[in-house]
Every structure is written in structure tokens, then in C-alpha cells.
Amino acid sequence: MGNNDNKRDNATDENKTRLNKFISHNSRFSRREADELIKAGKVSIDGKVIGDLSTKVGYKTIVKVNGRTVKVDFTRASTVIIYNKLKGEIVSKKDPQGRTIIYDTISKKFSHFIPIGRLDYASEGLLLLTDDPKIATSLMTSNLERVYKIKIEGEVSKSMISAMDNGITLDDATAGAWTNTKTVNMEFAPFLGYQIQSSGKYSKLKVAISEGKNRELRRFFAHFGARVTDLKRVSFGGINLNNLPSGKVRYLERDEYENLRHFMKEEDKLNKKKENHYNDDFFDDDI
């Protein structure tokens, strides 16, 4: 704890947090409510009333709202952001072909953030990024619901509906994949849900799946001869894109952080059970 405290004490301005975000992460107030409290002169820092909404604070700063100290929840030190990815961007730190990457668009202060999963070059929508590798790994490998709005060429066929309902295993799932893909066969679990919004020369669907395999939806529909022309992710694990403009970023809201923290606690419990199970097996074999 001592070492962590020193790091927080010596935080640079870049490592500090906007006052409204600090309040919303560590109290019952939303960021908008925090802004109103600041404007009303009800927020103080180290005993001085603050009215500047752009003020940034470190974790050791004493912040009070209505005279009460805001206690820092250090379990929230990690940050997760939502980025509304644009079509034509690569989810990568760099691209050998010189194409635009997501880090060309988002603020440089997020340059060290890890993308949670991928959206391909032609896809758009909700992309989560975090500065915590543990969160990134847990969310990427989870079976949390991913929701997409897609547009395909052709009608929605009975065989597609059957596969969405029951799942399908393909020995050759290269249709819809990149030319140099190393993944040939693929198993598609039953969709968690789907809505056929229109069916004709071009069809529109809203689908929910529990995995995020390489070009999964493009491969799935390509198997039935239907090319995906538009693909937009609108939700991941209950975190929604809502009205976030394309190419813009937002932080998680308080309730979204609460849900994430609950998810991570459950993951920790599950991992500990697995460790205990492996340890028990080890000693049983030795006996």
C-alpha cells in the first residue's frame, strides 16, 4: 500500500482525473450531477471551493461534496472507455499498410489502452478499451452478450434461421474470412437472440451472440451465400452505445462500473474455484 500511495501522491497532471469523473466514480452522483454540484459551489478541494469544471485531481486529493469527504474506492482505479469505432479503421497499434488505426482518432491519453476484442476494418460501433490487462482478458474471453445490427445481401432463409436457433459446425468456414486466414473450421453456437427487421434484396437483422470469434458473423452468413454489407456493434455485456457519436469516446457511467466490478468479482471467485480444483486433483494423484 505504501508504494501505491507514493505513486498516487506524485501523480502527474496527465495521470489525474477530471473532478466530475472522480466524484461519480466514488459517490452516488453521476458526472452530470457532479457538474451541477460544482457549479453550485458545493464541491471543495483541500478546503477551497471549486467552480471550474475542468479541474483535475489525484487520488490523494481531499474532495468534499456538501461538506462530506468523498472516499476513494481504489477498486475503481482501472478505467474502461467506450469508443464508437468508424468504418475504415484498424483496431491495432499500427498497420503495415498505412491505414488509419483507432489510435489516430481517439485522444493520445488513451494510447496505452487495450482494445477488448476486435472490430474489423469494415465494421463500426461499440469498442471497449481499458488500461487494465486483467479486465481486457476477462471480458474478451467471456460469454457476455454482444449485440450487432447487420445488413446482408439477399433474403433471410430458413436454413439461416435454423442455424441461428440451433448453431452449426462448418468444416470450411473460410467464406467471409480474410484470404490468409489460418482458421478454417468453426463452430457457431446458437444465437442468444435475433430480430429480422426486413428481408428482401437486402435484409436487416439485429442479432445477439455470446462469442467474438474472428469475423464470426461474416463467416456465418457467407456460408449461406449472403455477404454482410454493414455491421455495427451496439452493445457488449449490457454496456450500450446509445447516442455516442461516431469517432467519439465516453467513460463508463456509475452503474456500468458497478456491473463491471460485480463481473470481475465473480470471475475472481470462479478462478479461485478452478485453482482449488486443480490443487485437489494434484494431491489426490500424489496420494
C-alpha atoms as a PDB file:
ATOM      1  CA  MET A   1       0.000   0.000   0.000  1.00  0.00           C
ATOM      2  CA  GLY A   2       2.854   2.400   0.799  1.00  0.00           C
ATOM      3  CA  ASN A   3       4.323   2.186  -2.683  1.00  0.00           C
ATOM      4  CA  ASN A   4       0.918   2.708  -4.281  1.00  0.00           C
ATOM      5  CA  ASP A   5       0.281   5.729  -2.083  1.00  0.00           C
ATOM      6  CA  ASN A   6       3.560   7.304  -3.155  1.00  0.00           C
ATOM      7  CA  LYS A   7       2.676   6.804  -6.790  1.00  0.00           C
ATOM      8  CA  ARG A   8      -0.680   8.460  -6.250  1.00  0.00           C
ATOM      9  CA  ASP A   9       0.914  11.357  -4.338  1.00  0.00           C
ATOM     10  CA  ASN A  10       3.357  12.044  -7.158  1.00  0.00           C
ATOM     11  CA  ALA A  11       0.774  11.735  -9.938  1.00  0.00           C
ATOM     12  CA  THR A  12       1.419  13.984 -12.925  1.00  0.00           C
ATOM     13  CA  ASP A  13      -1.366  16.110 -14.367  1.00  0.00           C
ATOM     14  CA  GLU A  14      -1.807  13.541 -17.149  1.00  0.00           C
ATOM     15  CA  ASN A  15      -2.481  10.849 -14.539  1.00  0.00           C
ATOM     16  CA  LYS A  16      -5.042  12.962 -12.711  1.00  0.00           C
ATOM     17  CA  THR A  17      -8.788  12.657 -13.213  1.00  0.00           C
ATOM     18  CA  ARG A  18     -11.405  15.264 -14.037  1.00  0.00           C
ATOM     19  CA  LEU A  19     -13.242  16.304 -10.917  1.00  0.00           C
ATOM     20  CA  ASN A  20     -16.677  15.201 -12.127  1.00  0.00           C
ATOM     21  CA  LYS A  21     -15.349  11.757 -13.025  1.00  0.00           C
ATOM     22  CA  PHE A  22     -13.597  11.465  -9.644  1.00  0.00           C
ATOM     23  CA  ILE A  23     -16.864  12.259  -7.850  1.00  0.00           C
ATOM     24  CA  SER A  24     -19.010   9.945  -9.991  1.00  0.00           C
ATOM     25  CA  HIS A  25     -16.613   7.008  -9.551  1.00  0.00           C
ATOM     26  CA  ASN A  26     -16.522   7.348  -5.793  1.00  0.00           C
ATOM     27  CA  SER A  27     -20.020   8.501  -4.820  1.00  0.00           C
ATOM     28  CA  ARG A  28     -23.676   8.120  -5.702  1.00  0.00           C
ATOM     29  CA  PHE A  29     -23.605  11.154  -8.007  1.00  0.00           C
ATOM     30  CA  SER A  30     -23.443  10.917 -11.797  1.00  0.00           C
ATOM     31  CA  ARG A  31     -20.968  13.061 -13.759  1.00  0.00           C
ATOM     32  CA  ARG A  32     -23.782  15.415 -14.776  1.00  0.00           C
ATOM     33  CA  GLU A  33     -24.899  15.746 -11.168  1.00  0.00           C
ATOM     34  CA  ALA A  34     -21.293  16.359 -10.154  1.00  0.00           C
ATOM     35  CA  ASP A  35     -21.080  19.187 -12.715  1.00  0.00           C
ATOM     36  CA  GLU A  36     -24.182  20.802 -11.224  1.00  0.00           C
ATOM     37  CA  LEU A  37     -22.761  20.492  -7.704  1.00  0.00           C
ATOM     38  CA  ILE A  38     -19.514  22.119  -8.821  1.00  0.00           C
ATOM     39  CA  LYS A  39     -21.419  24.983 -10.474  1.00  0.00           C
ATOM     40  CA  ALA A  40     -23.453  25.450  -7.304  1.00  0.00           C
ATOM     41  CA  GLY A  41     -20.289  25.838  -5.211  1.00  0.00           C
ATOM     42  CA  LYS A  42     -20.919  22.664  -3.228  1.00  0.00           C
ATOM     43  CA  VAL A  43     -17.594  21.000  -4.034  1.00  0.00           C
ATOM     44  CA  SER A  44     -14.294  21.805  -2.330  1.00  0.00           C
ATOM     45  CA  ILE A  45     -10.729  20.594  -2.804  1.00  0.00           C
ATOM     46  CA  ASP A  46      -8.415  20.735   0.208  1.00  0.00           C
ATOM     47  CA  GLY A  47     -10.834  23.169   1.833  1.00  0.00           C
ATOM     48  CA  LYS A  48     -11.204  25.512  -1.157  1.00  0.00           C
ATOM     49  CA  VAL A  49     -14.489  25.743  -3.067  1.00  0.00           C
ATOM     50  CA  ILE A  50     -14.003  24.848  -6.732  1.00  0.00           C
ATOM     51  CA  GLY A  51     -16.139  26.172  -9.592  1.00  0.00           C
ATOM     52  CA  ASP A  52     -14.006  25.189 -12.575  1.00  0.00           C
ATOM     53  CA  LEU A  53     -15.458  22.118 -14.349  1.00  0.00           C
ATOM     54  CA  SER A  54     -12.106  21.350 -15.995  1.00  0.00           C
ATOM     55  CA  THR A  55     -10.337  20.854 -12.649  1.00  0.00           C
ATOM     56  CA  LYS A  56      -8.368  17.618 -12.305  1.00  0.00           C
ATOM     57  CA  VAL A  57      -7.499  15.809  -9.092  1.00  0.00           C
ATOM     58  CA  GLY A  58      -5.263  12.972  -7.908  1.00  0.00           C
ATOM     59  CA  TYR A  59      -6.362  10.061  -5.749  1.00  0.00           C
ATOM     60  CA  LYS A  60      -4.846  11.590  -2.597  1.00  0.00           C
ATOM     61  CA  THR A  61      -6.694  14.894  -3.006  1.00  0.00           C
ATOM     62  CA  ILE A  62      -9.305  15.595  -0.322  1.00  0.00           C
ATOM     63  CA  VAL A  63     -12.540  16.273  -2.180  1.00  0.00           C
ATOM     64  CA  LYS A  64     -15.697  17.189  -0.307  1.00  0.00           C
ATOM     65  CA  VAL A  65     -19.280  17.393  -1.588  1.00  0.00           C
ATOM     66  CA  ASN A  66     -21.762  19.232   0.627  1.00  0.00           C
ATOM     67  CA  GLY A  67     -19.115  19.152   3.359  1.00  0.00           C
ATOM     68  CA  ARG A  68     -18.697  15.370   3.251  1.00  0.00           C
ATOM     69  CA  THR A  69     -15.430  13.775   2.140  1.00  0.00           C
ATOM     70  CA  VAL A  70     -15.599  11.661  -0.996  1.00  0.00           C
ATOM     71  CA  LYS A  71     -13.938   8.378  -0.073  1.00  0.00           C
ATOM     72  CA  VAL A  72     -11.879   6.895  -2.870  1.00  0.00           C
ATOM     73  CA  ASP A  73     -12.806   3.394  -3.993  1.00  0.00           C
ATOM     74  CA  PHE A  74      -9.417   2.031  -5.047  1.00  0.00           C
ATOM     75  CA  THR A  75     -11.102  -0.982  -6.681  1.00  0.00           C
ATOM     76  CA  ARG A  76     -12.112   1.503  -9.379  1.00  0.00           C
ATOM     77  CA  ALA A  77      -8.573   2.615 -10.215  1.00  0.00           C
ATOM     78  CA  SER A  78      -8.866   0.875 -13.584  1.00  0.00           C
ATOM     79  CA  THR A  79     -10.549   2.744 -16.394  1.00  0.00           C
ATOM     80  CA  VAL A  80     -12.749   1.471 -19.213  1.00  0.00           C
ATOM     81  CA  ILE A  81     -13.895   3.632 -22.106  1.00  0.00           C
ATOM     82  CA  ILE A  82     -16.355   3.178 -24.948  1.00  0.00           C
ATOM     83  CA  TYR A  83     -15.278   4.204 -28.423  1.00  0.00           C
ATOM     84  CA  ASN A  84     -17.708   4.393 -31.355  1.00  0.00           C
ATOM     85  CA  LYS A  85     -15.374   2.998 -33.993  1.00  0.00           C
ATOM     86  CA  LEU A  86     -15.535   4.355 -37.520  1.00  0.00           C
ATOM     87  CA  LYS A  87     -15.608   2.214 -40.641  1.00  0.00           C
ATOM     88  CA  GLY A  88     -12.196   2.089 -42.299  1.00  0.00           C
ATOM     89  CA  GLU A  89     -10.205   1.981 -39.062  1.00  0.00           C
ATOM     90  CA  ILE A  90      -7.929  -0.834 -37.918  1.00  0.00           C
ATOM     91  CA  VAL A  91      -8.064  -1.978 -34.286  1.00  0.00           C
ATOM     92  CA  SER A  92      -4.306  -2.111 -33.848  1.00  0.00           C
ATOM     93  CA  LYS A  93      -1.370  -0.038 -32.604  1.00  0.00           C
ATOM     94  CA  LYS A  94      -0.013   0.197 -36.143  1.00  0.00           C
ATOM     95  CA  ASP A  95      -0.805  -1.010 -39.648  1.00  0.00           C
ATOM     96  CA  PRO A  96       1.875  -2.112 -42.165  1.00  0.00           C
ATOM     97  CA  GLN A  97      -0.374  -0.908 -44.999  1.00  0.00           C
ATOM     98  CA  GLY A  98      -0.552   2.561 -43.526  1.00  0.00           C
ATOM     99  CA  ARG A  99      -4.297   2.517 -42.993  1.00  0.00           C
ATOM    100  CA  THR A 100      -5.975   4.583 -40.285  1.00  0.00           C
ATOM    101  CA  ILE A 101      -5.898   2.986 -36.818  1.00  0.00           C
ATOM    102  CA  ILE A 102      -8.236   3.736 -33.935  1.00  0.00           C
ATOM    103  CA  TYR A 103      -5.420   5.492 -32.070  1.00  0.00           C
ATOM    104  CA  ASP A 104      -5.269   8.090 -34.855  1.00  0.00           C
ATOM    105  CA  THR A 105      -8.779   9.163 -33.840  1.00  0.00           C
ATOM    106  CA  ILE A 106      -9.001   8.790 -30.073  1.00  0.00           C
ATOM    107  CA  SER A 107      -7.146  11.093 -27.692  1.00  0.00           C
ATOM    108  CA  LYS A 108      -3.447  10.405 -27.112  1.00  0.00           C
ATOM    109  CA  LYS A 109      -4.126   9.991 -23.398  1.00  0.00           C
ATOM    110  CA  PHE A 110      -5.731   6.656 -24.309  1.00  0.00           C
ATOM    111  CA  SER A 111      -2.792   5.474 -26.438  1.00  0.00           C
ATOM    112  CA  HIS A 112      -1.850   2.853 -23.816  1.00  0.00           C
ATOM    113  CA  PHE A 113      -5.380   1.457 -23.559  1.00  0.00           C
ATOM    114  CA  ILE A 114      -6.023  -2.134 -24.677  1.00  0.00           C
ATOM    115  CA  PRO A 115      -8.895  -2.885 -27.069  1.00  0.00           C
ATOM    116  CA  ILE A 116     -11.286  -5.503 -25.696  1.00  0.00           C
ATOM    117  CA  GLY A 117     -11.759  -7.693 -28.731  1.00  0.00           C
ATOM    118  CA  ARG A 118     -11.764  -6.516 -32.318  1.00  0.00           C
ATOM    119  CA  LEU A 119     -13.987  -4.955 -34.940  1.00  0.00           C
ATOM    120  CA  ASP A 120     -12.676  -5.461 -38.457  1.00  0.00           C
ATOM    121  CA  TYR A 121     -11.802  -2.740 -40.959  1.00  0.00           C
ATOM    122  CA  ALA A 122     -15.286  -2.600 -42.499  1.00  0.00           C
ATOM    123  CA  SER A 123     -17.179  -2.778 -39.191  1.00  0.00           C
ATOM    124  CA  GLU A 124     -18.180   0.019 -36.845  1.00  0.00           C
ATOM    125  CA  GLY A 125     -19.702   0.641 -33.456  1.00  0.00           C
ATOM    126  CA  LEU A 126     -19.006  -0.105 -29.824  1.00  0.00           C
ATOM    127  CA  LEU A 127     -15.431  -0.930 -28.912  1.00  0.00           C
ATOM    128  CA  LEU A 128     -14.369  -1.140 -25.272  1.00  0.00           C
ATOM    129  CA  LEU A 129     -10.820  -0.216 -24.269  1.00  0.00           C
ATOM    130  CA  THR A 130      -9.143  -0.403 -20.867  1.00  0.00           C
ATOM    131  CA  ASP A 131      -5.867   0.314 -19.108  1.00  0.00           C
ATOM    132  CA  ASP A 132      -6.231  -2.928 -17.123  1.00  0.00           C
ATOM    133  CA  PRO A 133      -4.982  -6.135 -18.838  1.00  0.00           C
ATOM    134  CA  LYS A 134      -6.928  -8.293 -16.377  1.00  0.00           C
ATOM    135  CA  ILE A 135     -10.220  -6.644 -17.309  1.00  0.00           C
ATOM    136  CA  ALA A 136      -9.350  -6.877 -21.002  1.00  0.00           C
ATOM    137  CA  THR A 137      -8.656 -10.613 -20.805  1.00  0.00           C
ATOM    138  CA  SER A 138     -11.731 -11.376 -18.678  1.00  0.00           C
ATOM    139  CA  LEU A 139     -14.109  -9.533 -20.988  1.00  0.00           C
ATOM    140  CA  MET A 140     -12.540 -10.827 -24.220  1.00  0.00           C
ATOM    141  CA  THR A 141     -12.807 -14.450 -23.110  1.00  0.00           C
ATOM    142  CA  SER A 142     -16.258 -14.112 -21.540  1.00  0.00           C
ATOM    143  CA  ASN A 143     -19.564 -15.300 -22.940  1.00  0.00           C
ATOM    144  CA  LEU A 144     -21.195 -11.935 -22.290  1.00  0.00           C
ATOM    145  CA  GLU A 145     -23.811 -10.887 -24.831  1.00  0.00           C
ATOM    146  CA  ARG A 146     -22.642  -8.972 -27.904  1.00  0.00           C
ATOM    147  CA  VAL A 147     -25.372  -7.260 -29.933  1.00  0.00           C
ATOM    148  CA  TYR A 148     -24.975  -6.236 -33.585  1.00  0.00           C
ATOM    149  CA  LYS A 149     -27.035  -4.559 -36.259  1.00  0.00           C
ATOM    150  CA  ILE A 150     -26.230  -6.092 -39.627  1.00  0.00           C
ATOM    151  CA  LYS A 151     -27.258  -5.791 -43.263  1.00  0.00           C
ATOM    152  CA  ILE A 152     -26.840  -8.727 -45.645  1.00  0.00           C
ATOM    153  CA  GLU A 153     -27.301  -9.297 -49.337  1.00  0.00           C
ATOM    154  CA  GLY A 154     -30.359 -11.416 -50.084  1.00  0.00           C
ATOM    155  CA  GLU A 155     -33.262 -12.765 -48.073  1.00  0.00           C
ATOM    156  CA  VAL A 156     -33.124 -14.386 -44.660  1.00  0.00           C
ATOM    157  CA  SER A 157     -33.519 -18.074 -45.484  1.00  0.00           C
ATOM    158  CA  LYS A 158     -34.992 -20.924 -43.444  1.00  0.00           C
ATOM    159  CA  SER A 159     -31.542 -22.531 -43.241  1.00  0.00           C
ATOM    160  CA  MET A 160     -30.129 -19.323 -41.730  1.00  0.00           C
ATOM    161  CA  ILE A 161     -32.923 -19.239 -39.154  1.00  0.00           C
ATOM    162  CA  SER A 162     -32.330 -22.884 -38.264  1.00  0.00           C
ATOM    163  CA  ALA A 163     -28.613 -22.252 -37.796  1.00  0.00           C
ATOM    164  CA  MET A 164     -29.266 -19.158 -35.666  1.00  0.00           C
ATOM    165  CA  ASP A 165     -31.645 -21.213 -33.498  1.00  0.00           C
ATOM    166  CA  ASN A 166     -29.576 -24.370 -33.202  1.00  0.00           C
ATOM    167  CA  GLY A 167     -25.993 -23.469 -34.041  1.00  0.00           C
ATOM    168  CA  ILE A 168     -23.878 -25.001 -36.788  1.00  0.00           C
ATOM    169  CA  THR A 169     -20.420 -26.518 -37.255  1.00  0.00           C
ATOM    170  CA  LEU A 170     -18.551 -25.842 -40.502  1.00  0.00           C
ATOM    171  CA  ASP A 171     -15.563 -27.832 -41.711  1.00  0.00           C
ATOM    172  CA  ASP A 172     -14.850 -24.969 -44.109  1.00  0.00           C
ATOM    173  CA  ALA A 173     -15.692 -21.528 -42.716  1.00  0.00           C
ATOM    174  CA  THR A 174     -13.323 -19.591 -44.962  1.00  0.00           C
ATOM    175  CA  ALA A 175     -16.097 -17.854 -46.890  1.00  0.00           C
ATOM    176  CA  GLY A 176     -16.364 -14.378 -45.389  1.00  0.00           C
ATOM    177  CA  ALA A 177     -12.902 -14.660 -43.813  1.00  0.00           C
ATOM    178  CA  TRP A 178      -9.705 -12.880 -44.749  1.00  0.00           C
ATOM    179  CA  THR A 179      -7.857 -14.512 -47.645  1.00  0.00           C
ATOM    180  CA  ASN A 180      -4.898 -15.569 -45.476  1.00  0.00           C
ATOM    181  CA  THR A 181      -6.955 -16.804 -42.516  1.00  0.00           C
ATOM    182  CA  LYS A 182      -5.498 -19.699 -40.515  1.00  0.00           C
ATOM    183  CA  THR A 183      -8.904 -20.609 -39.055  1.00  0.00           C
ATOM    184  CA  VAL A 184     -10.628 -22.991 -41.449  1.00  0.00           C
ATOM    185  CA  ASN A 185     -13.278 -24.867 -39.469  1.00  0.00           C
ATOM    186  CA  MET A 186     -15.523 -23.099 -36.979  1.00  0.00           C
ATOM    187  CA  GLU A 187     -18.340 -23.931 -34.597  1.00  0.00           C
ATOM    188  CA  PHE A 188     -21.138 -21.389 -34.223  1.00  0.00           C
ATOM    189  CA  ALA A 189     -23.163 -21.552 -31.020  1.00  0.00           C
ATOM    190  CA  PRO A 190     -26.912 -20.844 -31.183  1.00  0.00           C
ATOM    191  CA  PHE A 191     -27.559 -17.107 -31.252  1.00  0.00           C
ATOM    192  CA  LEU A 192     -28.746 -15.665 -27.956  1.00  0.00           C
ATOM    193  CA  GLY A 193     -31.423 -13.859 -29.917  1.00  0.00           C
ATOM    194  CA  TYR A 194     -32.220 -12.229 -33.244  1.00  0.00           C
ATOM    195  CA  GLN A 195     -34.733  -9.915 -34.874  1.00  0.00           C
ATOM    196  CA  ILE A 196     -35.385  -9.955 -38.609  1.00  0.00           C
ATOM    197  CA  GLN A 197     -36.169  -6.317 -39.304  1.00  0.00           C
ATOM    198  CA  SER A 198     -36.523  -6.681 -43.077  1.00  0.00           C
ATOM    199  CA  SER A 199     -35.985  -9.413 -45.673  1.00  0.00           C
ATOM    200  CA  GLY A 200     -35.573  -8.922 -49.406  1.00  0.00           C
ATOM    201  CA  LYS A 201     -32.850  -7.988 -51.862  1.00  0.00           C
ATOM    202  CA  TYR A 202     -31.069  -6.647 -48.802  1.00  0.00           C
ATOM    203  CA  SER A 203     -32.056  -7.786 -45.321  1.00  0.00           C
ATOM    204  CA  LYS A 204     -31.539  -6.170 -41.940  1.00  0.00           C
ATOM    205  CA  LEU A 205     -31.169  -8.048 -38.668  1.00  0.00           C
ATOM    206  CA  LYS A 206     -30.330  -7.382 -35.051  1.00  0.00           C
ATOM    207  CA  VAL A 207     -28.501 -10.332 -33.551  1.00  0.00           C
ATOM    208  CA  ALA A 208     -27.085 -11.239 -30.144  1.00  0.00           C
ATOM    209  CA  ILE A 209     -24.231 -13.731 -29.766  1.00  0.00           C
ATOM    210  CA  SER A 210     -22.079 -14.831 -26.854  1.00  0.00           C
ATOM    211  CA  GLU A 211     -18.733 -15.108 -28.602  1.00  0.00           C
ATOM    212  CA  GLY A 212     -16.442 -12.866 -30.593  1.00  0.00           C
ATOM    213  CA  LYS A 213     -14.599 -15.186 -32.952  1.00  0.00           C
ATOM    214  CA  ASN A 214     -12.659 -13.934 -35.953  1.00  0.00           C
ATOM    215  CA  ARG A 215     -15.167 -12.437 -38.435  1.00  0.00           C
ATOM    216  CA  GLU A 216     -17.783 -14.729 -36.914  1.00  0.00           C
ATOM    217  CA  LEU A 217     -20.903 -13.110 -38.333  1.00  0.00           C
ATOM    218  CA  ARG A 218     -19.369 -12.518 -41.754  1.00  0.00           C
ATOM    219  CA  ARG A 219     -18.376 -16.191 -41.942  1.00  0.00           C
ATOM    220  CA  PHE A 220     -21.762 -17.357 -40.660  1.00  0.00           C
ATOM    221  CA  PHE A 221     -23.839 -15.544 -43.265  1.00  0.00           C
ATOM    222  CA  ALA A 222     -21.320 -16.111 -46.063  1.00  0.00           C
ATOM    223  CA  HIS A 223     -21.866 -19.850 -45.610  1.00  0.00           C
ATOM    224  CA  PHE A 224     -25.437 -19.249 -46.792  1.00  0.00           C
ATOM    225  CA  GLY A 225     -24.289 -17.125 -49.720  1.00  0.00           C
ATOM    226  CA  ALA A 226     -25.162 -13.830 -48.032  1.00  0.00           C
ATOM    227  CA  ARG A 227     -22.456 -11.177 -47.854  1.00  0.00           C
ATOM    228  CA  VAL A 228     -22.576  -8.869 -44.835  1.00  0.00           C
ATOM    229  CA  THR A 229     -22.517  -5.312 -46.220  1.00  0.00           C
ATOM    230  CA  ASP A 230     -22.903  -3.429 -42.924  1.00  0.00           C
ATOM    231  CA  LEU A 231     -22.025  -4.490 -39.394  1.00  0.00           C
ATOM    232  CA  LYS A 232     -22.319  -2.347 -36.287  1.00  0.00           C
ATOM    233  CA  ARG A 233     -21.876  -3.467 -32.685  1.00  0.00           C
ATOM    234  CA  VAL A 234     -24.294  -1.639 -30.407  1.00  0.00           C
ATOM    235  CA  SER A 235     -23.844  -3.460 -27.090  1.00  0.00           C
ATOM    236  CA  PHE A 236     -21.303  -5.555 -25.154  1.00  0.00           C
ATOM    237  CA  GLY A 237     -22.162  -7.157 -21.810  1.00  0.00           C
ATOM    238  CA  GLY A 238     -25.033  -4.748 -21.217  1.00  0.00           C
ATOM    239  CA  ILE A 239     -22.889  -1.692 -21.990  1.00  0.00           C
ATOM    240  CA  ASN A 240     -24.680   0.164 -24.778  1.00  0.00           C
ATOM    241  CA  LEU A 241     -23.520   2.521 -27.498  1.00  0.00           C
ATOM    242  CA  ASN A 242     -26.688   4.615 -27.202  1.00  0.00           C
ATOM    243  CA  ASN A 243     -26.283   8.038 -28.830  1.00  0.00           C
ATOM    244  CA  LEU A 244     -22.481   8.257 -28.693  1.00  0.00           C
ATOM    245  CA  PRO A 245     -21.436   9.948 -31.974  1.00  0.00           C
ATOM    246  CA  SER A 246     -19.176   8.090 -34.403  1.00  0.00           C
ATOM    247  CA  GLY A 247     -15.480   8.605 -33.656  1.00  0.00           C
ATOM    248  CA  LYS A 248     -16.156   9.750 -30.082  1.00  0.00           C
ATOM    249  CA  VAL A 249     -15.275   8.325 -26.661  1.00  0.00           C
ATOM    250  CA  ARG A 250     -17.087   8.243 -23.338  1.00  0.00           C
ATOM    251  CA  TYR A 251     -16.309   6.826 -19.906  1.00  0.00           C
ATOM    252  CA  LEU A 252     -18.492   4.196 -18.302  1.00  0.00           C
ATOM    253  CA  GLU A 253     -21.339   5.500 -16.182  1.00  0.00           C
ATOM    254  CA  ARG A 254     -21.511   4.678 -12.473  1.00  0.00           C
ATOM    255  CA  ASP A 255     -23.953   1.784 -12.889  1.00  0.00           C
ATOM    256  CA  GLU A 256     -21.824   0.346 -15.718  1.00  0.00           C
ATOM    257  CA  TYR A 257     -18.769   0.412 -13.462  1.00  0.00           C
ATOM    258  CA  GLU A 258     -20.781  -1.289 -10.719  1.00  0.00           C
ATOM    259  CA  ASN A 259     -21.800  -4.073 -13.116  1.00  0.00           C
ATOM    260  CA  LEU A 260     -18.211  -4.451 -14.295  1.00  0.00           C
ATOM    261  CA  ARG A 261     -16.910  -4.656 -10.749  1.00  0.00           C
ATOM    262  CA  HIS A 262     -19.514  -7.332  -9.940  1.00  0.00           C
ATOM    263  CA  PHE A 263     -18.489  -9.277 -13.053  1.00  0.00           C
ATOM    264  CA  MET A 264     -14.801  -9.137 -12.096  1.00  0.00           C
ATOM    265  CA  LYS A 265     -15.562 -10.316  -8.547  1.00  0.00           C
ATOM    266  CA  GLU A 266     -17.459 -13.300  -9.922  1.00  0.00           C
ATOM    267  CA  GLU A 267     -14.570 -14.032 -12.298  1.00  0.00           C
ATOM    268  CA  ASP A 268     -12.134 -13.998  -9.366  1.00  0.00           C
ATOM    269  CA  LYS A 269     -14.346 -16.419  -7.427  1.00  0.00           C
ATOM    270  CA  LEU A 270     -14.564 -18.744 -10.425  1.00  0.00           C
ATOM    271  CA  ASN A 271     -10.810 -18.667 -10.988  1.00  0.00           C
ATOM    272  CA  LYS A 272     -10.143 -19.447  -7.325  1.00  0.00           C
ATOM    273  CA  LYS A 273     -12.514 -22.428  -7.521  1.00  0.00           C
ATOM    274  CA  LYS A 274     -10.642 -23.680 -10.587  1.00  0.00           C
ATOM    275  CA  GLU A 275      -7.300 -23.294  -8.790  1.00  0.00           C
ATOM    276  CA  ASN A 276      -8.580 -25.202  -5.768  1.00  0.00           C
ATOM    277  CA  HIS A 277      -9.952 -27.918  -8.027  1.00  0.00           C
ATOM    278  CA  TYR A 278      -6.595 -28.309  -9.775  1.00  0.00           C
ATOM    279  CA  ASN A 279      -4.776 -28.379  -6.435  1.00  0.00           C
ATOM    280  CA  ASP A 280      -7.144 -31.046  -5.097  1.00  0.00           C
ATOM    281  CA  ASP A 281      -6.632 -33.148  -8.213  1.00  0.00           C
ATOM    282  CA  PHE A 282      -2.869 -32.794  -7.861  1.00  0.00           C
ATOM    283  CA  PHE A 283      -2.789 -34.026  -4.277  1.00  0.00           C
ATOM    284  CA  ASP A 284      -5.255 -36.843  -4.969  1.00  0.00           C
ATOM    285  CA  ASP A 285      -2.980 -38.120  -7.740  1.00  0.00           C
ATOM    286  CA  ASP A 286       0.034 -37.933  -5.458  1.00  0.00           C
ATOM    287  CA  ILE A 287      -1.754 -39.924  -2.769  1.00  0.00           C
END
